[in-house]
């Protein structure tokens, strides 16, 4: 698929901090923003993914890092 954005080590540090502390993250992908609580960053089949839950519904969501436009920690 190829990375859309080259994320910096600082970007990953902020994401990992959000995972460790249960903070919400706004993830942007293909023009849509998802507000989620990231649970883990994992490597699967040679691709990185963020597993997250929706804070209201509890739905489990997976976001492939190489498909993302960006993310911001919001709380």
Protein backbone atom coordinates (compact mmCIF):
# COMPACT_ATOMS: atom_id res chain seq x y z
CA UNK A 1 0.00 0.00 0.00
CA UNK A 2 2.86 2.43 0.76
CA UNK A 3 2.97 5.00 3.50
CA UNK A 4 0.94 8.16 2.91
CA UNK A 5 2.82 10.07 5.62
CA UNK A 6 6.26 9.55 7.11
CA UNK A 7 5.60 9.60 10.83
CA UNK A 8 8.42 10.82 13.05
CA UNK A 9 9.72 9.11 16.19
CA UNK A 10 7.97 11.90 18.13
CA UNK A 11 4.66 11.00 16.47
CA UNK A 12 5.09 7.40 17.58
CA UNK A 13 6.09 8.53 21.10
CA UNK A 14 2.85 10.54 21.40
CA UNK A 15 0.79 7.59 20.15
CA UNK A 16 2.52 5.17 22.53
CA UNK A 17 1.98 7.60 25.42
CA UNK A 18 -1.74 7.77 24.55
CA UNK A 19 -1.89 3.96 24.53
CA UNK A 20 -0.12 3.70 27.90
CA UNK A 21 -2.37 6.32 29.53
CA UNK A 22 -5.73 5.59 27.87
CA UNK A 23 -5.93 8.97 26.14
CA UNK A 24 -8.19 9.62 23.17
CA UNK A 25 -6.68 10.09 19.74
CA UNK A 26 -8.14 11.67 16.59
CA UNK A 27 -7.04 9.46 13.70
CA UNK A 28 -7.38 10.80 10.15
CA UNK A 29 -7.77 8.43 7.23
CA UNK A 30 -9.03 9.20 3.71
CA UNK A 31 -10.66 12.47 4.76
CA UNK A 32 -12.48 11.03 7.77
CA UNK A 33 -11.56 11.65 11.40
CA UNK A 34 -12.14 8.94 14.00
CA UNK A 35 -12.02 9.71 17.72
CA UNK A 36 -10.85 6.51 19.40
CA UNK A 37 -9.01 5.13 22.41
CA UNK A 38 -5.94 3.29 21.13
CA UNK A 39 -5.22 0.00 22.90
CA UNK A 40 -2.07 -1.25 21.19
CA UNK A 41 0.36 -0.75 18.35
CA UNK A 42 1.23 -3.99 16.63
CA UNK A 43 3.06 -5.45 13.66
CA UNK A 44 1.08 -7.92 11.56
CA UNK A 45 2.12 -9.31 8.20
CA UNK A 46 4.91 -6.74 7.96
CA UNK A 47 2.50 -3.80 8.49
CA UNK A 48 1.95 -1.68 11.59
CA UNK A 49 -1.55 -1.32 12.96
CA UNK A 50 -3.27 0.51 15.80
CA UNK A 51 -6.02 -1.43 17.55
CA UNK A 52 -8.50 0.93 19.17
CA UNK A 53 -11.98 1.13 20.65
CA UNK A 54 -14.69 3.67 19.96
CA UNK A 55 -15.25 5.56 23.25
CA UNK A 56 -19.06 5.56 22.98
CA UNK A 57 -19.96 2.24 21.37
CA UNK A 58 -16.99 0.15 22.48
CA UNK A 59 -16.57 -1.13 18.92
CA UNK A 60 -13.10 -2.50 18.19
CA UNK A 61 -11.38 -0.83 15.24
CA UNK A 62 -8.08 -1.47 13.46
CA UNK A 63 -6.17 1.25 11.62
CA UNK A 64 -3.21 0.40 9.38
CA UNK A 65 -0.47 2.99 9.87
CA UNK A 66 0.39 3.06 6.15
CA UNK A 67 -3.20 4.13 5.36
CA UNK A 68 -3.32 7.06 7.81
CA UNK A 69 -3.09 10.76 7.02
CA UNK A 70 -2.20 11.57 10.64
CA UNK A 71 -3.21 11.50 14.29
CA UNK A 72 -3.44 13.86 17.25
CA UNK A 73 -3.76 13.09 20.94
CA UNK A 74 -6.81 15.03 22.15
CA UNK A 75 -7.17 14.23 25.85
